């Protein structure tokens, strides 16, 4: 997929050069497009991370059960 996108944007830059844009303008346009796509994806990822709860609830519950079981085994 990334290889396809690389070829796509390289072809897009080549097409802009063929139309008559200077090389630096064509590469600049492609760079701005890639930066916009990257910014949008980074924003979406940051939004998902803000809503994520990283606490392992099931693991904590299992450990608490294990502690209670061990306490029960140690009592005479």
Protein backbone atom coordinates (compact mmCIF):
# COMPACT_ATOMS: atom_id res chain seq x y z
CA UNK A 1 0.00 0.00 0.00
CA UNK A 2 2.77 2.44 0.92
CA UNK A 3 4.64 1.53 -2.25
CA UNK A 4 1.52 2.32 -4.27
CA UNK A 5 1.14 5.68 -2.54
CA UNK A 6 4.79 6.50 -3.17
CA UNK A 7 4.42 5.76 -6.87
CA UNK A 8 1.12 7.67 -6.97
CA UNK A 9 2.61 10.84 -5.52
CA UNK A 10 5.76 10.53 -7.65
CA UNK A 11 3.56 10.20 -10.74
CA UNK A 12 1.48 13.15 -9.59
CA UNK A 13 4.64 15.25 -9.22
CA UNK A 14 5.84 14.11 -12.66
CA UNK A 15 2.46 15.04 -14.15
CA UNK A 16 2.68 18.50 -12.60
CA UNK A 17 6.16 18.92 -14.07
CA UNK A 18 4.87 17.75 -17.48
CA UNK A 19 2.06 20.30 -17.34
CA UNK A 20 4.62 23.05 -16.95
CA UNK A 21 5.16 23.62 -13.27
CA UNK A 22 8.77 24.06 -12.14
CA UNK A 23 10.19 21.06 -10.29
CA UNK A 24 10.29 22.84 -6.94
CA UNK A 25 6.63 23.88 -7.24
CA UNK A 26 5.51 20.36 -8.16
CA UNK A 27 7.42 18.81 -5.28
CA UNK A 28 6.14 21.55 -2.96
CA UNK A 29 2.53 20.82 -3.89
CA UNK A 30 3.01 17.11 -3.26
CA UNK A 31 4.74 17.88 0.06
CA UNK A 32 1.89 20.12 1.22
CA UNK A 33 -0.67 17.44 0.29
CA UNK A 34 1.29 14.80 2.23
CA UNK A 35 1.66 17.11 5.24
CA UNK A 36 -2.09 17.76 5.24
CA UNK A 37 -2.85 14.04 5.09
CA UNK A 38 -0.34 13.37 7.88
CA UNK A 39 -1.79 16.15 10.03
CA UNK A 40 -5.33 14.86 9.64
CA UNK A 41 -4.26 11.30 10.49
CA UNK A 42 -2.25 12.51 13.50
CA UNK A 43 -5.25 14.49 14.73
CA UNK A 44 -7.53 11.47 14.38
CA UNK A 45 -5.03 9.28 16.21
CA UNK A 46 -4.62 11.79 19.02
CA UNK A 47 -8.39 11.98 19.40
CA UNK A 48 -8.61 8.21 19.71
CA UNK A 49 -5.81 8.15 22.28
CA UNK A 50 -7.57 10.77 24.42
CA UNK A 51 -10.65 8.53 24.74
CA UNK A 52 -8.61 5.38 25.45
CA UNK A 53 -8.53 4.01 28.99
CA UNK A 54 -5.12 2.31 29.35
CA UNK A 55 -5.89 0.67 32.71
CA UNK A 56 -5.98 -3.16 32.44
CA UNK A 57 -9.26 -3.70 34.35
CA UNK A 58 -9.47 -7.49 33.85
CA UNK A 59 -5.87 -7.99 34.95
CA UNK A 60 -6.40 -5.91 38.08
CA UNK A 61 -9.55 -7.87 38.93
CA UNK A 62 -7.75 -11.19 38.40
CA UNK A 63 -4.85 -10.10 40.61
CA UNK A 64 -7.25 -9.02 43.35
CA UNK A 65 -8.93 -12.43 43.18
CA UNK A 66 -5.53 -14.10 43.41
CA UNK A 67 -4.59 -12.01 46.45
CA UNK A 68 -7.86 -12.91 48.17
CA UNK A 69 -7.30 -16.60 47.39
CA UNK A 70 -3.75 -16.48 48.77
CA UNK A 71 -4.97 -14.72 51.92
CA UNK A 72 -7.56 -17.47 52.34
CA UNK A 73 -4.90 -20.14 51.98
CA UNK A 74 -2.63 -18.54 54.58
CA UNK A 75 -5.33 -18.29 57.26
CA UNK A 76 -5.51 -21.35 59.57
